[in-house]
Amino acid sequence: MAGRAARHDPHDHPVPARTAGPADRPDRGGRDVRAGGLIGRRRRAQDKTPLRRIASAVIRRRRDPPARIAVCFGILFHGSGIMTDMAAQPGGGSARDRAPVDFVIIGAMRAGTTTLHSVLSRHPQISMSRDKETDFFIPGRNYGRGLQWYLDQFDPALPIRGEASPNYAKLRDFPDVPQTLSHHAPDARLVYVVRDPVRRAVSQYAHSWNMGLALPPPDALADTHEYLSILDISSYARQLDPWRALFGPKRILIVDFDALLADPQAQFDRICAHVGADPMPVAALAAHNATSELSRVPRPLLRLAQGPLRPLLTRLLDQRMRDRLRGLAAFGPNRKPPEFPAPLLARLRQDLAEDAARFRRLSGMDFPHWSV
């Protein structure tokens, strides 16, 4: 093809006319393989986005069937990134434009968040985080692992991302969580599951006791750090104040734990509508009770798992595997935590009464079954 005029490829630099040699045979699209390939590779090397490289290949080779096949293989090998970039996301925009998470179950601790995470994981539109409690938005915990670590928690093929970290509603310990989440996902929807504040407090103590944590006995619990922490987490109105200020009340769905067990379909319909997912049929629920498993795990194993092995187990095993190991280790006799004496229960009701009344007002819900 001697004497051919210079040609301009919109995706490459101009290719000067030259005499075709044995290594310069034109490909089926009429391009100079040697010159165009060299310059094209250099051009594509400057673009680090797999989606753009493959999209450019589609444009250049759209009439070349073998090239289209190669592009399909490229899509398969880079599928996760491409699905994230190309899939329509809630609220519009690509993955590059969207927030890292669409909804967050912020608590409350010991109020059915594990059950909720498990059921929502089966929804065909929702990707719940691989680890049930990522604690990503807690500075000083997993936040330092970086945003990519958090994004890797989700299935990029599903349009809605959600997570459940009840530590987010422990503002006495982690006051910066609402601001951190608002910075990364200002339009996120929040779900807050609550139960009788006094029963929740007792359940938290029993769970911590079964984990082998050093706790004051119930008759010496009042006014200790542990008591103030339990009281804080059961103070639902106070917990919600900063969330309402940053996200607004319409973005926060309050779910009654007892109603969730009594009529799971109605409550999950509310949750799905709140997070932008289609309704999903659910069966009767049995609340997941990790405390009963922990009560049968031998104390030496618990101390080992909560002590020197904790960082290693957290790094090597995801939440599901850790839960399975806990179930396998629950082979010992059942340990019963100490009961709260009547004066301590009365003190809890007294200390929680004002907050419970305010929570009823701001939620518009009666909670007639509560003890406070």
Protein backbone atom coordinates (compact mmCIF):
# COMPACT_ATOMS: atom_id res chain seq x y z
CA MET A 1 0.00 0.00 0.00
CA ALA A 2 2.77 2.36 -0.92
CA GLY A 3 1.82 5.99 -1.29
CA ARG A 4 -1.13 5.76 1.04
CA ALA A 5 -2.01 9.16 2.57
CA ALA A 6 -1.63 9.83 6.26
CA ARG A 7 -4.68 8.74 8.20
CA HIS A 8 -6.04 9.91 11.56
CA ASP A 9 -7.55 7.49 14.04
CA PRO A 10 -9.71 9.36 16.54
CA HIS A 11 -8.28 7.21 19.34
CA ASP A 12 -4.62 7.22 18.26
CA HIS A 13 -2.09 9.74 17.01
CA PRO A 14 -1.83 10.28 13.20
CA VAL A 15 -0.14 7.36 11.46
CA PRO A 16 2.20 8.51 8.65
CA ALA A 17 2.06 6.83 5.26
CA ARG A 18 4.70 4.13 4.79
CA THR A 19 5.43 1.07 2.76
CA ALA A 20 3.86 -2.01 4.25
CA GLY A 21 6.32 -4.71 5.15
CA PRO A 22 5.74 -8.30 6.28
CA ALA A 23 5.24 -7.18 9.88
CA ASP A 24 2.91 -4.34 8.91
CA ARG A 25 -0.01 -6.22 7.43
CA PRO A 26 -3.30 -4.37 7.95
CA ASP A 27 -5.73 -6.10 10.26
CA ARG A 28 -9.33 -6.78 9.27
CA GLY A 29 -10.36 -3.31 10.35
CA GLY A 30 -7.83 -1.74 7.91
CA ARG A 31 -5.49 -0.51 10.66
CA ASP A 32 -1.73 -0.75 10.63
CA VAL A 33 -1.08 -3.44 13.24
CA ARG A 34 2.51 -2.51 14.02
CA ALA A 35 2.26 1.27 14.17
CA GLY A 36 -1.33 1.49 15.40
CA GLY A 37 -0.77 -1.26 17.98
CA LEU A 38 2.34 0.38 19.42
CA ILE A 39 0.79 3.82 19.65
CA GLY A 40 -2.56 2.43 20.77
CA ARG A 41 -0.91 0.52 23.59
CA ARG A 42 0.92 3.64 24.69
CA ARG A 43 -2.31 5.60 24.55
CA ARG A 44 -4.26 3.01 26.49
CA ALA A 45 -1.54 2.71 29.09
CA GLN A 46 -2.27 6.30 30.03
CA ASP A 47 -5.85 5.42 30.87
CA LYS A 48 -5.92 3.32 34.03
CA THR A 49 -9.65 2.69 34.07
CA PRO A 50 -10.50 -0.83 32.80
CA LEU A 51 -13.95 0.29 31.73
CA ARG A 52 -12.61 3.09 29.50
CA ARG A 53 -9.98 0.84 27.94
CA ILE A 54 -12.55 -1.79 27.02
CA ALA A 55 -15.10 0.79 25.88
CA SER A 56 -12.46 2.30 23.60
CA ALA A 57 -11.76 -1.15 22.21
CA VAL A 58 -15.44 -1.64 21.46
CA ILE A 59 -15.54 1.66 19.57
CA ARG A 60 -12.42 0.94 17.53
CA ARG A 61 -13.25 -2.70 16.79
CA ARG A 62 -17.01 -2.69 16.70
CA ARG A 63 -17.05 -4.15 13.16
CA ASP A 64 -14.41 -6.75 13.89
CA PRO A 65 -16.04 -9.97 15.26
CA PRO A 66 -12.80 -11.47 16.69
CA ALA A 67 -12.11 -8.20 18.47
CA ARG A 68 -15.62 -8.18 19.90
CA ILE A 69 -15.02 -11.66 21.29
CA ALA A 70 -11.80 -10.44 22.91
CA VAL A 71 -13.66 -7.49 24.39
CA CYS A 72 -16.21 -9.87 25.90
CA PHE A 73 -13.40 -11.78 27.58
CA GLY A 74 -12.08 -8.49 28.87
CA ILE A 75 -15.46 -7.72 30.36
CA LEU A 76 -15.52 -11.10 32.07
CA PHE A 77 -12.08 -10.66 33.58
CA HIS A 78 -12.80 -7.10 34.72
CA GLY A 79 -16.43 -7.82 35.49
CA SER A 80 -16.61 -6.51 38.99
CA GLY A 81 -15.19 -3.12 38.14
CA ILE A 82 -17.27 -2.79 34.99
CA MET A 83 -20.50 -3.78 36.64
CA THR A 84 -19.82 -1.18 39.29
CA ASP A 85 -19.18 1.49 36.66
CA MET A 86 -21.97 0.60 34.23
CA ALA A 87 -24.88 -0.51 36.41
CA ALA A 88 -27.57 2.03 37.06
CA GLN A 89 -27.35 3.06 40.68
CA PRO A 90 -30.07 4.27 43.05
CA GLY A 91 -30.49 7.96 42.51
CA GLY A 92 -28.73 7.84 39.14
CA GLY A 93 -25.06 8.12 38.24
CA SER A 94 -22.24 5.66 37.96
CA ALA A 95 -20.37 3.95 40.78
CA ARG A 96 -17.81 6.70 40.55
CA ASP A 97 -20.52 9.24 41.40
CA ARG A 98 -22.41 7.28 44.04
CA ALA A 99 -21.87 7.05 47.77
CA PRO A 100 -20.18 3.93 49.14
CA VAL A 101 -23.35 2.76 50.93
CA ASP A 102 -27.07 3.35 50.39
CA PHE A 103 -28.48 2.45 53.79
CA VAL A 104 -27.12 1.65 57.23
CA ILE A 105 -28.68 -0.17 60.16
CA ILE A 106 -27.17 1.86 62.99
CA GLY A 107 -28.52 -0.16 65.92
CA ALA A 108 -29.54 -0.71 68.49
CA MET A 109 -27.21 -3.29 69.96
CA ARG A 110 -29.02 -6.45 71.10
CA ALA A 111 -32.15 -5.47 69.16
CA GLY A 112 -32.21 -7.90 66.23
CA THR A 113 -29.70 -6.29 63.86
CA THR A 114 -28.11 -9.67 63.11
CA THR A 115 -31.47 -11.13 62.10
CA LEU A 116 -32.16 -8.09 59.93
CA HIS A 117 -28.77 -8.33 58.22
CA SER A 118 -29.29 -12.04 57.53
CA VAL A 119 -32.73 -11.65 55.94
CA LEU A 120 -31.79 -8.60 53.85
CA SER A 121 -28.76 -10.51 52.55
CA ARG A 122 -31.20 -12.76 50.68
CA HIS A 123 -32.89 -9.88 48.86
CA PRO A 124 -32.08 -10.05 45.11
CA GLN A 125 -31.49 -6.28 44.88
CA ILE A 126 -29.53 -5.74 48.08
CA SER A 127 -25.88 -6.40 48.79
CA MET A 128 -25.35 -6.47 52.53
CA SER A 129 -21.76 -6.13 53.67
CA ARG A 130 -19.74 -9.33 53.84
CA ASP A 131 -18.96 -8.63 57.50
CA LYS A 132 -22.12 -7.95 59.45
CA GLU A 133 -20.45 -5.25 61.53
CA THR A 134 -17.92 -3.41 59.40
CA ASP A 135 -17.49 -0.54 61.90
CA PHE A 136 -16.00 1.32 58.95
CA PHE A 137 -17.30 4.76 59.88
CA ILE A 138 -15.74 4.61 63.34
CA PRO A 139 -12.46 6.56 63.27
CA GLY A 140 -9.83 4.44 64.94
CA ARG A 141 -11.39 1.15 63.86
CA ASN A 142 -11.72 -0.03 60.26
CA TYR A 143 -11.86 3.49 58.82
CA GLY A 144 -8.08 3.39 58.49
CA ARG A 145 -8.30 0.44 56.10
CA GLY A 146 -9.48 2.79 53.39
CA LEU A 147 -12.54 3.16 51.20
CA GLN A 148 -11.57 0.33 48.86
CA TRP A 149 -11.62 -2.13 51.76
CA TYR A 150 -15.16 -0.98 52.49
CA LEU A 151 -16.28 -1.21 48.86
CA ASP A 152 -14.91 -4.75 48.69
CA GLN A 153 -17.49 -5.70 51.32
CA PHE A 154 -20.25 -5.48 48.70
CA ASP A 155 -21.32 -7.33 45.57
CA PRO A 156 -20.87 -4.78 42.76
CA ALA A 157 -23.51 -6.50 40.64
CA LEU A 158 -26.34 -5.53 43.01
CA PRO A 159 -27.77 -2.01 42.93
CA ILE A 160 -28.33 -1.36 46.66
CA ARG A 161 -25.64 -1.56 49.33
CA GLY A 162 -26.40 -1.88 53.01
CA GLU A 163 -24.66 -2.69 56.26
CA ALA A 164 -25.50 -3.15 59.94
CA SER A 165 -23.12 -1.87 62.61
CA PRO A 166 -24.87 -1.33 65.96
CA ASN A 167 -21.74 0.32 67.32
CA TYR A 168 -22.78 3.35 65.26
CA ALA A 169 -25.46 4.05 67.88
CA LYS A 170 -23.00 4.10 70.78
CA LEU A 171 -22.35 7.82 70.70
CA ARG A 172 -20.84 7.95 74.17
CA ASP A 173 -17.99 5.81 72.85
CA PHE A 174 -18.01 6.85 69.18
CA PRO A 175 -19.35 10.41 68.89
CA ASP A 176 -17.88 11.08 65.41
CA VAL A 177 -19.76 8.36 63.52
CA PRO A 178 -22.74 10.46 62.30
CA GLN A 179 -20.45 13.15 60.88
CA THR A 180 -18.15 10.58 59.25
CA LEU A 181 -21.02 8.74 57.58
CA SER A 182 -22.61 12.02 56.50
CA HIS A 183 -19.33 13.04 54.86
CA HIS A 184 -19.18 9.88 52.73
CA ALA A 185 -22.89 9.17 52.23
CA PRO A 186 -24.95 12.31 52.92
CA ASP A 187 -28.08 10.83 51.33
CA ALA A 188 -27.91 7.44 53.05
CA ARG A 189 -31.06 5.99 54.57
CA LEU A 190 -30.87 4.87 58.18
CA VAL A 191 -32.67 2.05 59.97
CA TYR A 192 -32.84 2.02 63.77
CA VAL A 193 -34.23 -1.09 65.46
CA VAL A 194 -35.26 -0.65 69.09
CA ARG A 195 -36.64 -2.84 71.86
CA ASP A 196 -37.66 -2.34 75.48
CA PRO A 197 -34.77 -0.20 76.78
CA VAL A 198 -34.50 -2.08 80.08
CA ARG A 199 -34.59 -5.53 78.48
CA ARG A 200 -32.04 -4.39 75.94
CA ALA A 201 -29.73 -3.27 78.76
CA VAL A 202 -30.07 -6.62 80.55
CA SER A 203 -29.40 -8.47 77.29
CA GLN A 204 -26.26 -6.43 76.66
CA TYR A 205 -24.91 -7.24 80.12
CA ALA A 206 -25.63 -10.96 79.63
CA HIS A 207 -23.92 -10.94 76.24
CA SER A 208 -20.81 -9.22 77.60
CA TRP A 209 -20.75 -11.58 80.59
CA ASN A 210 -20.90 -14.63 78.33
CA MET A 211 -18.05 -13.23 76.27
CA GLY A 212 -15.92 -13.37 79.38
CA LEU A 213 -15.50 -9.62 79.76
CA ALA A 214 -14.61 -8.29 83.19
CA LEU A 215 -17.83 -6.80 84.56
CA PRO A 216 -18.97 -5.66 87.98
CA PRO A 217 -21.62 -7.97 89.45
CA PRO A 218 -25.16 -6.65 88.95
CA ASP A 219 -25.55 -5.56 92.56
CA ALA A 220 -22.46 -3.34 92.15
CA LEU A 221 -23.16 -2.17 88.59
CA ALA A 222 -24.92 1.16 89.24
CA ASP A 223 -22.89 4.29 88.45
CA THR A 224 -19.98 2.32 86.98
CA HIS A 225 -18.57 2.91 83.50
CA GLU A 226 -20.34 -0.23 82.32
CA TYR A 227 -23.67 0.99 83.69
CA LEU A 228 -23.33 4.37 82.00
CA SER A 229 -22.51 2.65 78.70
CA ILE A 230 -25.56 0.38 78.97
CA LEU A 231 -27.71 3.38 79.89
CA ASP A 232 -26.39 5.41 76.96
CA ILE A 233 -27.15 2.75 74.34
CA SER A 234 -30.71 2.35 75.67
CA SER A 235 -31.28 6.12 75.52
CA TYR A 236 -32.72 6.02 72.02
CA ALA A 237 -33.79 9.66 71.75
CA ARG A 238 -30.36 10.90 72.76
CA GLN A 239 -28.73 8.49 70.32
CA LEU A 240 -30.89 9.78 67.47
CA ASP A 241 -30.32 13.50 68.08
CA PRO A 242 -27.14 13.89 65.98
CA TRP A 243 -28.44 11.55 63.28
CA ARG A 244 -31.65 13.56 62.92
CA ALA A 245 -29.67 16.80 62.79
CA LEU A 246 -27.49 15.55 59.92
CA PHE A 247 -29.84 13.30 57.92
CA GLY A 248 -33.30 14.59 58.84
CA PRO A 249 -36.11 12.53 60.37
CA LYS A 250 -37.47 11.36 56.99
CA ARG A 251 -34.30 9.43 56.26
CA ILE A 252 -34.50 7.49 59.52
CA LEU A 253 -36.83 4.48 59.81
CA ILE A 254 -37.55 3.30 63.35
CA VAL A 255 -38.40 -0.39 63.64
CA ASP A 256 -39.92 -1.97 66.74
CA PHE A 257 -38.11 -5.24 67.50
CA ASP A 258 -41.23 -6.87 68.95
CA ALA A 259 -43.27 -5.88 65.89
CA LEU A 260 -40.51 -7.33 63.71
CA LEU A 261 -40.93 -10.71 65.40
CA ALA A 262 -44.74 -10.53 65.54
CA ASP A 263 -45.31 -9.47 61.91
CA PRO A 264 -42.04 -9.74 59.98
CA GLN A 265 -43.65 -9.28 56.57
CA ALA A 266 -45.15 -5.90 57.43
CA GLN A 267 -41.90 -4.65 58.93
CA PHE A 268 -39.75 -5.88 56.05
CA ASP A 269 -42.13 -4.24 53.59
CA ARG A 270 -41.50 -0.97 55.46
CA ILE A 271 -37.75 -1.50 55.40
CA CYS A 272 -37.63 -2.40 51.70
CA ALA A 273 -39.71 0.65 50.79
CA HIS A 274 -37.45 2.84 52.91
CA VAL A 275 -34.22 1.67 51.24
CA GLY A 276 -35.66 1.64 47.70
CA ALA A 277 -35.97 -2.13 47.20
CA ASP A 278 -38.91 -4.18 45.96
CA PRO A 279 -40.98 -6.06 48.55
CA MET A 280 -39.70 -9.53 49.40
CA PRO A 281 -41.67 -12.37 51.01
CA VAL A 282 -40.22 -13.44 54.35
CA ALA A 283 -41.03 -16.33 56.62
CA ALA A 284 -41.49 -16.24 60.36
CA LEU A 285 -38.40 -15.00 62.14
CA ALA A 286 -36.50 -16.43 65.02
CA ALA A 287 -34.24 -13.78 66.48
CA HIS A 288 -30.60 -14.78 66.25
CA ASN A 289 -29.28 -15.13 69.78
CA ALA A 290 -25.50 -15.12 69.85
CA THR A 291 -25.57 -14.97 73.64
CA SER A 292 -26.88 -18.54 73.87
CA GLU A 293 -23.96 -19.76 71.74
CA LEU A 294 -21.42 -17.76 73.70
CA SER A 295 -22.71 -19.21 76.96
CA ARG A 296 -21.54 -22.67 75.81
CA VAL A 297 -18.11 -21.67 74.50
CA PRO A 298 -15.43 -22.57 77.07
CA ARG A 299 -14.08 -19.48 78.80
CA PRO A 300 -10.40 -20.19 77.88
CA LEU A 301 -11.34 -20.18 74.18
CA LEU A 302 -13.28 -16.95 74.61
CA ARG A 303 -10.36 -15.26 76.36
CA LEU A 304 -8.06 -16.42 73.57
CA ALA A 305 -10.41 -15.20 70.83
CA GLN A 306 -11.00 -11.86 72.53
CA GLY A 307 -7.34 -11.40 73.44
CA PRO A 308 -4.19 -12.13 71.42
CA LEU A 309 -5.98 -13.95 68.59
CA ARG A 310 -8.62 -11.27 67.94
CA PRO A 311 -6.60 -9.15 65.43
CA LEU A 312 -5.53 -12.28 63.53
CA LEU A 313 -9.02 -13.78 63.40
CA THR A 314 -10.53 -10.48 62.30
CA ARG A 315 -7.97 -10.08 59.54
CA LEU A 316 -8.11 -13.67 58.22
CA LEU A 317 -11.77 -14.62 58.68
CA ASP A 318 -14.91 -12.81 57.59
CA GLN A 319 -17.93 -12.44 59.85
CA ARG A 320 -19.72 -15.56 58.58
CA MET A 321 -16.71 -17.78 59.19
CA ARG A 322 -16.20 -16.35 62.67
CA ASP A 323 -19.87 -17.01 63.45
CA ARG A 324 -19.51 -20.61 62.26
CA LEU A 325 -16.43 -21.15 64.39
CA ARG A 326 -18.26 -19.76 67.40
CA GLY A 327 -21.07 -22.22 66.79
CA LEU A 328 -18.63 -25.13 66.51
CA ALA A 329 -16.93 -24.08 69.74
CA ALA A 330 -20.21 -23.96 71.66
CA PHE A 331 -19.82 -27.45 73.09
CA GLY A 332 -19.53 -26.71 76.80
CA PRO A 333 -22.23 -26.57 79.46
CA ASN A 334 -24.58 -23.64 79.36
CA ARG A 335 -23.58 -20.76 81.64
CA LYS A 336 -26.34 -18.58 83.02
CA PRO A 337 -25.44 -14.93 83.59
CA PRO A 338 -26.34 -13.39 86.94
CA GLU A 339 -29.77 -11.82 87.14
CA PHE A 340 -30.37 -8.14 87.74
CA PRO A 341 -31.77 -7.51 91.23
CA ALA A 342 -35.06 -5.62 91.53
CA PRO A 343 -33.43 -2.39 92.82
CA LEU A 344 -31.15 -2.25 89.76
CA LEU A 345 -34.08 -2.78 87.38
CA ALA A 346 -35.98 -0.01 89.16
CA ARG A 347 -32.95 2.27 88.84
CA LEU A 348 -32.73 1.55 85.11
CA ARG A 349 -36.42 2.34 84.61
CA GLN A 350 -36.02 5.58 86.52
CA ASP A 351 -32.91 6.65 84.59
CA LEU A 352 -34.46 5.79 81.21
CA ALA A 353 -37.98 7.16 81.76
CA GLU A 354 -37.41 10.70 80.47
CA ASP A 355 -35.56 9.58 77.35
CA ALA A 356 -38.17 6.90 76.59
CA ALA A 357 -40.95 9.50 76.79
CA ARG A 358 -39.08 11.81 74.43
CA PHE A 359 -38.40 8.93 72.04
CA ARG A 360 -42.12 8.15 71.88
CA ARG A 361 -42.83 11.77 70.98
CA LEU A 362 -40.23 12.07 68.23
CA SER A 363 -41.02 8.65 66.73
CA GLY A 364 -44.80 8.93 66.96
CA MET A 365 -44.88 5.32 68.21
CA ASP A 366 -46.47 4.13 71.47
CA PHE A 367 -44.41 1.03 72.39
CA PRO A 368 -47.13 -0.15 74.83
CA HIS A 369 -45.22 -3.34 75.68
CA TRP A 370 -42.19 -1.50 77.10
CA SER A 371 -41.53 -1.60 80.83
CA VAL A 372 -40.58 2.07 80.92
